[in-house]
Structure formats: C-alpha cells, structure tokens
Amino acid sequence: VQTCALPICAVRLSWSSSTVHTARLGTSVPIFASVGPIDRGVGVAFRLERWNIVTRSWRLAGTLARHTDATGRAGVSWTPSGPGLYRWRATAGWTPDYSTGSSPWVRWSVGR
C-alpha cells in the first residue's frame, strides 16, 4: 500500500495484489476500496486496464469515480465483457484534505 502525507492516506482494494484472481464472462465482481483515515465523501477513482497481447502493454479499459461512505469505503461492480488479462487500481485524493494515495494493482484473468 502506498501512503501519502498531510494527512497520511492509505488506499486498499478488497482483493489481494499478490495473486492473479479469476473471473468468468458475465459474472459480476465487486471491487471495493478502503481509504484511511476513514472519512465520508473522499473521491476515489477506479482504473481498469486490459493487457494487449499485440503491443504487449496495458491499455486503459475504463475509469469510474465514486465517493467513500461513512466507513471509508467506495465500490464498483465489474462485469467482464471479454476474456483476457485485466488489472484494477484505486486512487484517492480529490479534496484538499487528502493527498493522492493509490492501491497496488490487482490482477484478473477472465475466461469464458
């Protein structure tokens, strides 16, 4: 987890960054970010990237913006639409009280 100062900000995703998770096409996957210190209304940007086998690089597949609730959590629901390798990251810090903090990338392998 990366941290930032003034105040110290930490962002964690609900899935482990130390493994590749699996998902199936058409199945909804909840992605939650926890922001600390806990505060309601902190902006969180969720970034989804997909591996492009031709260029051998990650390409932006979408971004979603949410705000934290009273427990410091924000979430999105992701339904993969195509097979392949994906990764998610959450970044917080849209208010003057928070510097930008980002979670580690969480990787997904999506099959049929």
C-alpha atoms as a PDB file:
ATOM      1  CA  VAL A   1       0.000   0.000   0.000  1.00  0.00           C
ATOM      2  CA  GLN A   2       1.350   3.389  -0.913  1.00  0.00           C
ATOM      3  CA  THR A   3       0.918   6.195   1.572  1.00  0.00           C
ATOM      4  CA  CYS A   4       0.761   9.933   1.280  1.00  0.00           C
ATOM      5  CA  ALA A   5       1.228  12.773   3.746  1.00  0.00           C
ATOM      6  CA  LEU A   6      -0.910  15.517   5.282  1.00  0.00           C
ATOM      7  CA  PRO A   7      -2.907  13.626   6.402  1.00  0.00           C
ATOM      8  CA  ILE A   8      -1.433  10.183   5.857  1.00  0.00           C
ATOM      9  CA  CYS A   9      -3.657   8.437   3.348  1.00  0.00           C
ATOM     10  CA  ALA A  10      -3.753   4.722   2.559  1.00  0.00           C
ATOM     11  CA  VAL A  11      -5.833   3.033  -0.145  1.00  0.00           C
ATOM     12  CA  ARG A  12      -6.507  -0.716  -0.193  1.00  0.00           C
ATOM     13  CA  LEU A  13      -8.558  -2.808  -2.595  1.00  0.00           C
ATOM     14  CA  SER A  14     -10.741  -5.642  -1.332  1.00  0.00           C
ATOM     15  CA  TRP A  15      -8.769  -8.216  -3.365  1.00  0.00           C
ATOM     16  CA  SER A  16      -5.159  -9.284  -2.816  1.00  0.00           C
ATOM     17  CA  SER A  17      -2.490  -7.796  -5.067  1.00  0.00           C
ATOM     18  CA  SER A  18      -0.195 -10.788  -4.515  1.00  0.00           C
ATOM     19  CA  THR A  19      -2.136 -13.184  -6.750  1.00  0.00           C
ATOM     20  CA  VAL A  20      -3.972 -13.276 -10.083  1.00  0.00           C
ATOM     21  CA  HIS A  21      -7.700 -13.663  -9.441  1.00  0.00           C
ATOM     22  CA  THR A  22     -10.051 -15.426 -11.845  1.00  0.00           C
ATOM     23  CA  ALA A  23     -13.444 -14.343 -13.128  1.00  0.00           C
ATOM     24  CA  ARG A  24     -15.903 -15.559 -15.746  1.00  0.00           C
ATOM     25  CA  LEU A  25     -17.578 -13.588 -18.506  1.00  0.00           C
ATOM     26  CA  GLY A  26     -20.913 -12.132 -17.462  1.00  0.00           C
ATOM     27  CA  THR A  27     -20.313 -12.658 -13.728  1.00  0.00           C
ATOM     28  CA  SER A  28     -20.362  -9.554 -11.540  1.00  0.00           C
ATOM     29  CA  VAL A  29     -17.293  -8.888  -9.404  1.00  0.00           C
ATOM     30  CA  PRO A  30     -17.499  -6.371  -6.520  1.00  0.00           C
ATOM     31  CA  ILE A  31     -14.409  -4.143  -6.239  1.00  0.00           C
ATOM     32  CA  PHE A  32     -14.151  -2.122  -3.013  1.00  0.00           C
ATOM     33  CA  ALA A  33     -11.549   0.397  -1.918  1.00  0.00           C
ATOM     34  CA  SER A  34     -10.937   1.317   1.713  1.00  0.00           C
ATOM     35  CA  VAL A  35      -9.440   4.731   2.414  1.00  0.00           C
ATOM     36  CA  GLY A  36      -7.726   5.704   5.639  1.00  0.00           C
ATOM     37  CA  PRO A  37      -8.020   7.738   7.644  1.00  0.00           C
ATOM     38  CA  ILE A  38     -11.736   6.969   7.438  1.00  0.00           C
ATOM     39  CA  ASP A  39     -13.750   9.860   6.068  1.00  0.00           C
ATOM     40  CA  ARG A  40     -17.026  10.232   4.188  1.00  0.00           C
ATOM     41  CA  GLY A  41     -17.010  11.846   0.757  1.00  0.00           C
ATOM     42  CA  VAL A  42     -13.393  11.246  -0.269  1.00  0.00           C
ATOM     43  CA  GLY A  43     -13.148  10.898  -4.051  1.00  0.00           C
ATOM     44  CA  VAL A  44     -11.899   7.545  -5.304  1.00  0.00           C
ATOM     45  CA  ALA A  45     -11.017   6.844  -8.932  1.00  0.00           C
ATOM     46  CA  PHE A  46     -11.132   3.200 -10.018  1.00  0.00           C
ATOM     47  CA  ARG A  47      -8.947   2.466 -13.058  1.00  0.00           C
ATOM     48  CA  LEU A  48      -9.330  -0.693 -15.158  1.00  0.00           C
ATOM     49  CA  GLU A  49      -6.652  -1.718 -17.649  1.00  0.00           C
ATOM     50  CA  ARG A  50      -6.541  -4.647 -20.088  1.00  0.00           C
ATOM     51  CA  TRP A  51      -3.431  -6.419 -21.369  1.00  0.00           C
ATOM     52  CA  ASN A  52      -2.974  -6.001 -25.124  1.00  0.00           C
ATOM     53  CA  ILE A  53      -1.211  -9.100 -26.401  1.00  0.00           C
ATOM     54  CA  VAL A  54      -0.245  -7.453 -29.718  1.00  0.00           C
ATOM     55  CA  THR A  55       1.505  -4.403 -28.226  1.00  0.00           C
ATOM     56  CA  ARG A  56       2.492  -6.273 -25.047  1.00  0.00           C
ATOM     57  CA  SER A  57       1.311  -3.406 -22.865  1.00  0.00           C
ATOM     58  CA  TRP A  58      -1.525  -2.445 -20.525  1.00  0.00           C
ATOM     59  CA  ARG A  59      -4.259  -0.289 -22.097  1.00  0.00           C
ATOM     60  CA  LEU A  60      -6.897   1.777 -20.338  1.00  0.00           C
ATOM     61  CA  ALA A  61     -10.242  -0.050 -20.406  1.00  0.00           C
ATOM     62  CA  GLY A  62     -12.221   2.365 -18.226  1.00  0.00           C
ATOM     63  CA  THR A  63     -12.384   4.580 -15.181  1.00  0.00           C
ATOM     64  CA  LEU A  64     -15.129   5.016 -12.621  1.00  0.00           C
ATOM     65  CA  ALA A  65     -15.434   7.704  -9.953  1.00  0.00           C
ATOM     66  CA  ARG A  66     -17.022   7.119  -6.554  1.00  0.00           C
ATOM     67  CA  HIS A  67     -17.021   8.728  -3.096  1.00  0.00           C
ATOM     68  CA  THR A  68     -16.433   6.985   0.213  1.00  0.00           C
ATOM     69  CA  ASP A  69     -19.252   6.280   2.641  1.00  0.00           C
ATOM     70  CA  ALA A  70     -19.131   6.796   6.423  1.00  0.00           C
ATOM     71  CA  THR A  71     -16.940   3.682   6.797  1.00  0.00           C
ATOM     72  CA  GLY A  72     -14.316   4.994   4.363  1.00  0.00           C
ATOM     73  CA  ARG A  73     -15.289   2.543   1.615  1.00  0.00           C
ATOM     74  CA  ALA A  74     -16.193   3.074  -2.033  1.00  0.00           C
ATOM     75  CA  GLY A  75     -17.067   0.397  -4.536  1.00  0.00           C
ATOM     76  CA  VAL A  76     -17.901  -0.556  -8.076  1.00  0.00           C
ATOM     77  CA  SER A  77     -19.395  -3.655  -9.649  1.00  0.00           C
ATOM     78  CA  TRP A  78     -17.465  -5.022 -12.632  1.00  0.00           C
ATOM     79  CA  THR A  79     -18.897  -7.479 -15.148  1.00  0.00           C
ATOM     80  CA  PRO A  80     -16.124  -8.564 -17.533  1.00  0.00           C
ATOM     81  CA  SER A  81     -17.300  -8.410 -21.134  1.00  0.00           C
ATOM     82  CA  GLY A  82     -14.370 -10.170 -22.796  1.00  0.00           C
ATOM     83  CA  PRO A  83     -11.762 -12.787 -21.933  1.00  0.00           C
ATOM     84  CA  GLY A  84      -8.216 -11.688 -21.173  1.00  0.00           C
ATOM     85  CA  LEU A  85      -5.961 -10.235 -18.511  1.00  0.00           C
ATOM     86  CA  TYR A  86      -7.121  -7.177 -16.561  1.00  0.00           C
ATOM     87  CA  ARG A  87      -5.970  -5.128 -13.598  1.00  0.00           C
ATOM     88  CA  TRP A  88      -7.656  -2.678 -11.206  1.00  0.00           C
ATOM     89  CA  ARG A  89      -6.251   0.175  -9.132  1.00  0.00           C
ATOM     90  CA  ALA A  90      -7.913   2.710  -6.846  1.00  0.00           C
ATOM     91  CA  THR A  91      -6.628   6.228  -6.227  1.00  0.00           C
ATOM     92  CA  ALA A  92      -7.971   8.648  -3.600  1.00  0.00           C
ATOM     93  CA  GLY A  93      -7.489  12.334  -3.100  1.00  0.00           C
ATOM     94  CA  TRP A  94      -9.926  14.736  -4.689  1.00  0.00           C
ATOM     95  CA  THR A  95     -10.178  17.012  -1.659  1.00  0.00           C
ATOM     96  CA  PRO A  96      -7.687  19.500  -0.213  1.00  0.00           C
ATOM     97  CA  ASP A  97      -7.521  17.387   2.962  1.00  0.00           C
ATOM     98  CA  TYR A  98      -6.149  14.352   1.116  1.00  0.00           C
ATOM     99  CA  SER A  99      -3.034  13.982  -0.952  1.00  0.00           C
ATOM    100  CA  THR A 100      -3.227  11.328  -3.634  1.00  0.00           C
ATOM    101  CA  GLY A 101      -2.801   7.732  -2.448  1.00  0.00           C
ATOM    102  CA  SER A 102      -3.051   4.655  -4.665  1.00  0.00           C
ATOM    103  CA  SER A 103      -3.592   0.968  -4.065  1.00  0.00           C
ATOM    104  CA  PRO A 104      -1.367  -1.674  -5.608  1.00  0.00           C
ATOM    105  CA  TRP A 105      -2.656  -3.146  -8.888  1.00  0.00           C
ATOM    106  CA  VAL A 106      -4.958  -6.161  -8.510  1.00  0.00           C
ATOM    107  CA  ARG A 107      -4.795  -8.545 -11.485  1.00  0.00           C
ATOM    108  CA  TRP A 108      -7.581 -10.661 -13.008  1.00  0.00           C
ATOM    109  CA  SER A 109      -7.688 -13.455 -15.569  1.00  0.00           C
ATOM    110  CA  VAL A 110     -11.091 -13.614 -17.254  1.00  0.00           C
ATOM    111  CA  GLY A 111     -12.236 -16.759 -19.044  1.00  0.00           C
ATOM    112  CA  ARG A 112     -15.396 -17.975 -20.691  1.00  0.00           C
END
